[in-house]
Amino acid sequence: MWNNLLNSNQAEWRDIPYGEIDLKDIGARFRATHDYAINNGFRGGFPNFYHADYPTGRVGGSILIKLGAAEWRDDLMLEGVR
């Protein structure tokens, strides 16, 4: 279903081993998935919340965004105290 928004030229589904991401804490999982993506040559990534238990261990599904498919930038969301 994810490929309706991002096709295989833009992103890749990857099962990340449980030891590299935290499956119990949502915020930590987003941060760890993004860090995993950056450290493995992608622009960024996010969890898709699929889990699997394989004979080699538990994994968490993630969508990793390829380098040419996105850009990183900081946007100002709020300026000053209101």
PDB file of N, CA and C in Angstrom:
ATOM      1  N   MET A   1       0.815  -1.192   0.000  1.00  0.00           N
ATOM      2  CA  MET A   1       0.000   0.000   0.000  1.00  0.00           C
ATOM      3  C   MET A   1       0.859   1.256   0.000  1.00  0.00           C
ATOM      4  N   TRP A   2       2.029   1.239   0.641  1.00  0.00           N
ATOM      5  CA  TRP A   2       2.872   2.428   0.721  1.00  0.00           C
ATOM      6  C   TRP A   2       3.312   2.915  -0.646  1.00  0.00           C
ATOM      7  N   ASN A   3       3.412   2.007  -1.623  1.00  0.00           N
ATOM      8  CA  ASN A   3       3.913   2.429  -2.924  1.00  0.00           C
ATOM      9  C   ASN A   3       2.909   3.285  -3.696  1.00  0.00           C
ATOM     10  N   ASN A   4       1.731   3.518  -3.147  1.00  0.00           N
ATOM     11  CA  ASN A   4       0.807   4.459  -3.767  1.00  0.00           C
ATOM     12  C   ASN A   4       1.314   5.888  -3.641  1.00  0.00           C
ATOM     13  N   LEU A   5       2.140   6.144  -2.623  1.00  0.00           N
ATOM     14  CA  LEU A   5       2.686   7.474  -2.413  1.00  0.00           C
ATOM     15  C   LEU A   5       4.144   7.571  -2.839  1.00  0.00           C
ATOM     16  N   LEU A   6       4.909   6.521  -2.597  1.00  0.00           N
ATOM     17  CA  LEU A   6       6.325   6.472  -2.947  1.00  0.00           C
ATOM     18  C   LEU A   6       6.574   5.184  -3.714  1.00  0.00           C
ATOM     19  N   ASN A   7       7.086   5.305  -4.926  1.00  0.00           N
ATOM     20  CA  ASN A   7       7.334   4.092  -5.694  1.00  0.00           C
ATOM     21  C   ASN A   7       8.736   3.547  -5.409  1.00  0.00           C
ATOM     22  N   SER A   8       9.084   2.441  -6.039  1.00  0.00           N
ATOM     23  CA  SER A   8      10.356   1.778  -5.747  1.00  0.00           C
ATOM     24  C   SER A   8      11.562   2.591  -6.215  1.00  0.00           C
ATOM     25  N   ASN A   9      11.366   3.582  -7.069  1.00  0.00           N
ATOM     26  CA  ASN A   9      12.463   4.480  -7.436  1.00  0.00           C
ATOM     27  C   ASN A   9      12.732   5.519  -6.358  1.00  0.00           C
ATOM     28  N   GLN A  10      11.768   5.708  -5.458  1.00  0.00           N
ATOM     29  CA  GLN A  10      11.882   6.737  -4.435  1.00  0.00           C
ATOM     30  C   GLN A  10      12.141   6.188  -3.039  1.00  0.00           C
ATOM     31  N   ALA A  11      11.688   4.985  -2.774  1.00  0.00           N
ATOM     32  CA  ALA A  11      11.794   4.450  -1.421  1.00  0.00           C
ATOM     33  C   ALA A  11      11.919   2.934  -1.449  1.00  0.00           C
ATOM     34  N   GLU A  12      12.331   2.396  -0.306  1.00  0.00           N
ATOM     35  CA  GLU A  12      12.540   0.953  -0.178  1.00  0.00           C
ATOM     36  C   GLU A  12      11.993   0.486   1.168  1.00  0.00           C
ATOM     37  N   TRP A  13      11.261  -0.610   1.150  1.00  0.00           N
ATOM     38  CA  TRP A  13      10.821  -1.249   2.391  1.00  0.00           C
ATOM     39  C   TRP A  13      11.981  -2.071   2.901  1.00  0.00           C
ATOM     40  N   ARG A  14      12.309  -1.932   4.175  1.00  0.00           N
ATOM     41  CA  ARG A  14      13.373  -2.730   4.756  1.00  0.00           C
ATOM     42  C   ARG A  14      12.965  -3.180   6.149  1.00  0.00           C
ATOM     43  N   ASP A  15      13.242  -4.432   6.459  1.00  0.00           N
ATOM     44  CA  ASP A  15      13.042  -4.964   7.805  1.00  0.00           C
ATOM     45  C   ASP A  15      14.309  -4.707   8.610  1.00  0.00           C
ATOM     46  N   ILE A  16      14.186  -3.902   9.647  1.00  0.00           N
ATOM     47  CA  ILE A  16      15.336  -3.538  10.477  1.00  0.00           C
ATOM     48  C   ILE A  16      15.329  -4.419  11.728  1.00  0.00           C
ATOM     49  N   PRO A  17      16.464  -5.047  12.046  1.00  0.00           N
ATOM     50  CA  PRO A  17      16.528  -5.908  13.234  1.00  0.00           C
ATOM     51  C   PRO A  17      16.133  -5.161  14.503  1.00  0.00           C
ATOM     52  N   TYR A  18      15.442  -5.853  15.383  1.00  0.00           N
ATOM     53  CA  TYR A  18      14.947  -5.277  16.635  1.00  0.00           C
ATOM     54  C   TYR A  18      16.056  -4.619  17.442  1.00  0.00           C
ATOM     55  N   GLY A  19      17.255  -5.154  17.392  1.00  0.00           N
ATOM     56  CA  GLY A  19      18.363  -4.580  18.153  1.00  0.00           C
ATOM     57  C   GLY A  19      18.774  -3.200  17.683  1.00  0.00           C
ATOM     58  N   GLU A  20      18.383  -2.808  16.484  1.00  0.00           N
ATOM     59  CA  GLU A  20      18.773  -1.506  15.938  1.00  0.00           C
ATOM     60  C   GLU A  20      17.679  -0.448  16.064  1.00  0.00           C
ATOM     61  N   ILE A  21      16.469  -0.857  16.419  1.00  0.00           N
ATOM     62  CA  ILE A  21      15.370   0.090  16.633  1.00  0.00           C
ATOM     63  C   ILE A  21      14.604  -0.333  17.878  1.00  0.00           C
ATOM     64  N   ASP A  22      13.904   0.593  18.460  1.00  0.00           N
ATOM     65  CA  ASP A  22      13.109   0.331  19.658  1.00  0.00           C
ATOM     66  C   ASP A  22      11.650   0.176  19.234  1.00  0.00           C
ATOM     67  N   LEU A  23      11.121  -1.029  19.342  1.00  0.00           N
ATOM     68  CA  LEU A  23       9.750  -1.277  18.905  1.00  0.00           C
ATOM     69  C   LEU A  23       8.706  -0.886  19.949  1.00  0.00           C
ATOM     70  N   LYS A  24       9.125  -0.538  21.165  1.00  0.00           N
ATOM     71  CA  LYS A  24       8.175  -0.256  22.244  1.00  0.00           C
ATOM     72  C   LYS A  24       7.865   1.227  22.403  1.00  0.00           C
ATOM     73  N   ASP A  25       8.755   2.095  21.968  1.00  0.00           N
ATOM     74  CA  ASP A  25       8.589   3.530  22.147  1.00  0.00           C
ATOM     75  C   ASP A  25       8.449   4.184  20.772  1.00  0.00           C
ATOM     76  N   ILE A  26       7.311   4.781  20.505  1.00  0.00           N
ATOM     77  CA  ILE A  26       7.012   5.327  19.182  1.00  0.00           C
ATOM     78  C   ILE A  26       8.003   6.420  18.771  1.00  0.00           C
ATOM     79  N   GLY A  27       8.240   7.387  19.635  1.00  0.00           N
ATOM     80  CA  GLY A  27       9.161   8.472  19.304  1.00  0.00           C
ATOM     81  C   GLY A  27      10.564   7.966  19.045  1.00  0.00           C
ATOM     82  N   ALA A  28      11.042   7.077  19.910  1.00  0.00           N
ATOM     83  CA  ALA A  28      12.382   6.506  19.735  1.00  0.00           C
ATOM     84  C   ALA A  28      12.452   5.691  18.452  1.00  0.00           C
ATOM     85  N   ARG A  29      11.366   5.037  18.101  1.00  0.00           N
ATOM     86  CA  ARG A  29      11.368   4.241  16.880  1.00  0.00           C
ATOM     87  C   ARG A  29      11.498   5.130  15.634  1.00  0.00           C
ATOM     88  N   PHE A  30      10.780   6.245  15.616  1.00  0.00           N
ATOM     89  CA  PHE A  30      10.916   7.167  14.492  1.00  0.00           C
ATOM     90  C   PHE A  30      12.355   7.684  14.392  1.00  0.00           C
ATOM     91  N   ARG A  31      12.932   8.096  15.523  1.00  0.00           N
ATOM     92  CA  ARG A  31      14.298   8.622  15.512  1.00  0.00           C
ATOM     93  C   ARG A  31      15.302   7.556  15.097  1.00  0.00           C
ATOM     94  N   ALA A  32      15.168   6.348  15.632  1.00  0.00           N
ATOM     95  CA  ALA A  32      16.104   5.271  15.302  1.00  0.00           C
ATOM     96  C   ALA A  32      15.986   4.853  13.847  1.00  0.00           C
ATOM     97  N   THR A  33      14.770   4.823  13.317  1.00  0.00           N
ATOM     98  CA  THR A  33      14.580   4.463  11.911  1.00  0.00           C
ATOM     99  C   THR A  33      15.224   5.508  11.005  1.00  0.00           C
ATOM    100  N   HIS A  34      15.040   6.778  11.333  1.00  0.00           N
ATOM    101  CA  HIS A  34      15.659   7.845  10.557  1.00  0.00           C
ATOM    102  C   HIS A  34      17.185   7.737  10.624  1.00  0.00           C
ATOM    103  N   ASP A  35      17.725   7.535  11.818  1.00  0.00           N
ATOM    104  CA  ASP A  35      19.175   7.392  11.978  1.00  0.00           C
ATOM    105  C   ASP A  35      19.697   6.193  11.187  1.00  0.00           C
ATOM    106  N   TYR A  36      18.979   5.085  11.241  1.00  0.00           N
ATOM    107  CA  TYR A  36      19.361   3.896  10.477  1.00  0.00           C
ATOM    108  C   TYR A  36      19.409   4.230   8.985  1.00  0.00           C
ATOM    109  N   ALA A  37      18.409   4.948   8.504  1.00  0.00           N
ATOM    110  CA  ALA A  37      18.347   5.309   7.085  1.00  0.00           C
ATOM    111  C   ALA A  37      19.550   6.168   6.693  1.00  0.00           C
ATOM    112  N   ILE A  38      19.829   7.199   7.458  1.00  0.00           N
ATOM    113  CA  ILE A  38      20.956   8.095   7.169  1.00  0.00           C
ATOM    114  C   ILE A  38      22.266   7.309   7.175  1.00  0.00           C
ATOM    115  N   ASN A  39      22.441   6.434   8.152  1.00  0.00           N
ATOM    116  CA  ASN A  39      23.681   5.655   8.276  1.00  0.00           C
ATOM    117  C   ASN A  39      23.832   4.594   7.200  1.00  0.00           C
ATOM    118  N   ASN A  40      22.769   4.320   6.450  1.00  0.00           N
ATOM    119  CA  ASN A  40      22.813   3.302   5.408  1.00  0.00           C
ATOM    120  C   ASN A  40      22.594   3.883   4.010  1.00  0.00           C
ATOM    121  N   GLY A  41      22.888   5.185   3.853  1.00  0.00           N
ATOM    122  CA  GLY A  41      22.896   5.791   2.531  1.00  0.00           C
ATOM    123  C   GLY A  41      21.563   6.266   1.990  1.00  0.00           C
ATOM    124  N   PHE A  42      20.576   6.472   2.860  1.00  0.00           N
ATOM    125  CA  PHE A  42      19.270   6.983   2.442  1.00  0.00           C
ATOM    126  C   PHE A  42      19.111   8.418   2.928  1.00  0.00           C
ATOM    127  N   ARG A  43      18.128   9.127   2.390  1.00  0.00           N
ATOM    128  CA  ARG A  43      17.856  10.506   2.800  1.00  0.00           C
ATOM    129  C   ARG A  43      17.171  10.547   4.166  1.00  0.00           C
ATOM    130  N   GLY A  44      16.340   9.568   4.442  1.00  0.00           N
ATOM    131  CA  GLY A  44      15.621   9.497   5.708  1.00  0.00           C
ATOM    132  C   GLY A  44      14.736   8.267   5.708  1.00  0.00           C
ATOM    133  N   GLY A  45      13.946   8.123   6.745  1.00  0.00           N
ATOM    134  CA  GLY A  45      13.064   6.975   6.802  1.00  0.00           C
ATOM    135  C   GLY A  45      12.054   7.100   7.920  1.00  0.00           C
ATOM    136  N   PHE A  46      11.070   6.220   7.885  1.00  0.00           N
ATOM    137  CA  PHE A  46      10.034   6.196   8.918  1.00  0.00           C
ATOM    138  C   PHE A  46       9.509   4.776   9.055  1.00  0.00           C
ATOM    139  N   PRO A  47       9.032   4.423  10.248  1.00  0.00           N
ATOM    140  CA  PRO A  47       8.503   3.074  10.450  1.00  0.00           C
ATOM    141  C   PRO A  47       7.147   2.903   9.778  1.00  0.00           C
ATOM    142  N   ASN A  48       6.861   1.677   9.327  1.00  0.00           N
ATOM    143  CA  ASN A  48       5.534   1.396   8.779  1.00  0.00           C
ATOM    144  C   ASN A  48       4.691   0.561   9.745  1.00  0.00           C
ATOM    145  N   PHE A  49       5.265   0.227  10.889  1.00  0.00           N
ATOM    146  CA  PHE A  49       4.602  -0.455  12.007  1.00  0.00           C
ATOM    147  C   PHE A  49       4.223  -1.907  11.733  1.00  0.00           C
ATOM    148  N   TYR A  50       4.846  -2.503  10.732  1.00  0.00           N
ATOM    149  CA  TYR A  50       4.756  -3.951  10.556  1.00  0.00           C
ATOM    150  C   TYR A  50       5.881  -4.583  11.356  1.00  0.00           C
ATOM    151  N   HIS A  51       5.605  -5.698  12.005  1.00  0.00           N
ATOM    152  CA  HIS A  51       6.617  -6.456  12.749  1.00  0.00           C
ATOM    153  C   HIS A  51       6.614  -7.873  12.227  1.00  0.00           C
ATOM    154  N   ALA A  52       7.741  -8.529  12.374  1.00  0.00           N
ATOM    155  CA  ALA A  52       7.818  -9.938  12.012  1.00  0.00           C
ATOM    156  C   ALA A  52       8.810 -10.633  12.928  1.00  0.00           C
ATOM    157  N   ASP A  53       8.519 -11.876  13.236  1.00  0.00           N
ATOM    158  CA  ASP A  53       9.442 -12.717  13.999  1.00  0.00           C
ATOM    159  C   ASP A  53       9.980 -13.775  13.054  1.00  0.00           C
ATOM    160  N   TYR A  54      11.246 -13.642  12.693  1.00  0.00           N
ATOM    161  CA  TYR A  54      11.921 -14.598  11.824  1.00  0.00           C
ATOM    162  C   TYR A  54      12.806 -15.503  12.673  1.00  0.00           C
ATOM    163  N   PRO A  55      13.224 -16.630  12.134  1.00  0.00           N
ATOM    164  CA  PRO A  55      14.157 -17.487  12.881  1.00  0.00           C
ATOM    165  C   PRO A  55      15.434 -16.749  13.302  1.00  0.00           C
ATOM    166  N   THR A  56      15.810 -15.722  12.536  1.00  0.00           N
ATOM    167  CA  THR A  56      17.011 -14.948  12.864  1.00  0.00           C
ATOM    168  C   THR A  56      16.738 -13.817  13.843  1.00  0.00           C
ATOM    169  N   GLY A  57      15.473 -13.580  14.190  1.00  0.00           N
ATOM    170  CA  GLY A  57      15.133 -12.542  15.164  1.00  0.00           C
ATOM    171  C   GLY A  57      13.972 -11.673  14.724  1.00  0.00           C
ATOM    172  N   ARG A  58      13.554 -10.805  15.631  1.00  0.00           N
ATOM    173  CA  ARG A  58      12.429  -9.900  15.388  1.00  0.00           C
ATOM    174  C   ARG A  58      12.891  -8.684  14.601  1.00  0.00           C
ATOM    175  N   VAL A  59      12.022  -8.224  13.689  1.00  0.00           N
ATOM    176  CA  VAL A  59      12.323  -7.047  12.874  1.00  0.00           C
ATOM    177  C   VAL A  59      11.136  -6.100  12.872  1.00  0.00           C
ATOM    178  N   GLY A  60      11.420  -4.848  12.576  1.00  0.00           N
ATOM    179  CA  GLY A  60      10.387  -3.840  12.410  1.00  0.00           C
ATOM    180  C   GLY A  60      10.454  -3.299  10.996  1.00  0.00           C
ATOM    181  N   GLY A  61       9.332  -3.292  10.301  1.00  0.00           N
ATOM    182  CA  GLY A  61       9.292  -2.789   8.935  1.00  0.00           C
ATOM    183  C   GLY A  61       9.459  -1.285   8.892  1.00  0.00           C
ATOM    184  N   SER A  62      10.174  -0.819   7.875  1.00  0.00           N
ATOM    185  CA  SER A  62      10.424   0.608   7.719  1.00  0.00           C
ATOM    186  C   SER A  62      10.457   0.976   6.250  1.00  0.00           C
ATOM    187  N   ILE A  63      10.133   2.221   5.965  1.00  0.00           N
ATOM    188  CA  ILE A  63      10.250   2.769   4.627  1.00  0.00           C
ATOM    189  C   ILE A  63      11.451   3.704   4.637  1.00  0.00           C
ATOM    190  N   LEU A  64      12.423   3.423   3.756  1.00  0.00           N
ATOM    191  CA  LEU A  64      13.627   4.236   3.677  1.00  0.00           C
ATOM    192  C   LEU A  64      13.585   5.024   2.368  1.00  0.00           C
ATOM    193  N   ILE A  65      13.742   6.329   2.463  1.00  0.00           N
ATOM    194  CA  ILE A  65      13.624   7.228   1.311  1.00  0.00           C
ATOM    195  C   ILE A  65      14.989   7.392   0.647  1.00  0.00           C
ATOM    196  N   LYS A  66      15.024   7.149  -0.651  1.00  0.00           N
ATOM    197  CA  LYS A  66      16.279   7.209  -1.401  1.00  0.00           C
ATOM    198  C   LYS A  66      16.756   8.654  -1.564  1.00  0.00           C
ATOM    199  N   LEU A  67      18.058   8.790  -1.797  1.00  0.00           N
ATOM    200  CA  LEU A  67      18.692  10.112  -1.825  1.00  0.00           C
ATOM    201  C   LEU A  67      18.052  11.085  -2.804  1.00  0.00           C
ATOM    202  N   GLY A  68      17.749  10.687  -4.011  1.00  0.00           N
ATOM    203  CA  GLY A  68      17.215  11.611  -5.001  1.00  0.00           C
ATOM    204  C   GLY A  68      15.738  11.908  -4.863  1.00  0.00           C
ATOM    205  N   ALA A  69      15.073  11.272  -3.918  1.00  0.00           N
ATOM    206  CA  ALA A  69      13.617  11.386  -3.816  1.00  0.00           C
ATOM    207  C   ALA A  69      13.143  12.457  -2.842  1.00  0.00           C
ATOM    208  N   ALA A  70      14.063  13.053  -2.091  1.00  0.00           N
ATOM    209  CA  ALA A  70      13.650  14.029  -1.077  1.00  0.00           C
ATOM    210  C   ALA A  70      14.805  14.982  -0.799  1.00  0.00           C
ATOM    211  N   GLU A  71      14.475  16.074  -0.152  1.00  0.00           N
ATOM    212  CA  GLU A  71      15.514  16.986   0.312  1.00  0.00           C
ATOM    213  C   GLU A  71      15.279  17.289   1.773  1.00  0.00           C
ATOM    214  N   TRP A  72      16.354  17.546   2.481  1.00  0.00           N
ATOM    215  CA  TRP A  72      16.283  17.873   3.899  1.00  0.00           C
ATOM    216  C   TRP A  72      16.340  19.379   4.029  1.00  0.00           C
ATOM    217  N   ARG A  73      15.425  19.954   4.798  1.00  0.00           N
ATOM    218  CA  ARG A  73      15.492  21.385   5.072  1.00  0.00           C
ATOM    219  C   ARG A  73      14.788  21.682   6.379  1.00  0.00           C
ATOM    220  N   ASP A  74      15.165  22.781   6.972  1.00  0.00           N
ATOM    221  CA  ASP A  74      14.551  23.238   8.215  1.00  0.00           C
ATOM    222  C   ASP A  74      13.554  24.332   7.876  1.00  0.00           C
ATOM    223  N   ASP A  75      12.347  24.216   8.388  1.00  0.00           N
ATOM    224  CA  ASP A  75      11.322  25.231   8.179  1.00  0.00           C
ATOM    225  C   ASP A  75      10.949  25.856   9.513  1.00  0.00           C
ATOM    226  N   LEU A  76      10.827  27.163   9.537  1.00  0.00           N
ATOM    227  CA  LEU A  76      10.405  27.883  10.722  1.00  0.00           C
ATOM    228  C   LEU A  76       8.909  27.684  10.915  1.00  0.00           C
ATOM    229  N   MET A  77       8.526  27.117  12.031  1.00  0.00           N
ATOM    230  CA  MET A  77       7.106  26.835  12.285  1.00  0.00           C
ATOM    231  C   MET A  77       6.441  27.910  13.140  1.00  0.00           C
ATOM    232  N   LEU A  78       7.229  28.575  13.988  1.00  0.00           N
ATOM    233  CA  LEU A  78       6.669  29.581  14.887  1.00  0.00           C
ATOM    234  C   LEU A  78       7.740  30.614  15.163  1.00  0.00           C
ATOM    235  N   GLU A  79       7.400  31.854  15.048  1.00  0.00           N
ATOM    236  CA  GLU A  79       8.368  32.909  15.299  1.00  0.00           C
ATOM    237  C   GLU A  79       7.858  33.783  16.421  1.00  0.00           C
ATOM    238  N   GLY A  80       8.664  33.944  17.447  1.00  0.00           N
ATOM    239  CA  GLY A  80       8.291  34.785  18.579  1.00  0.00           C
ATOM    240  C   GLY A  80       7.252  34.140  19.481  1.00  0.00           C
ATOM    241  N   VAL A  81       6.962  34.805  20.581  1.00  0.00           N
ATOM    242  CA  VAL A  81       5.978  34.316  21.544  1.00  0.00           C
ATOM    243  C   VAL A  81       4.651  34.985  21.250  1.00  0.00           C
ATOM    244  N   ARG A  82       3.606  34.186  21.217  1.00  0.00           N
ATOM    245  CA  ARG A  82       2.287  34.749  20.933  1.00  0.00           C
ATOM    246  C   ARG A  82       1.362  34.543  22.088  1.00  0.00           C
TER     247      ARG A  82
END
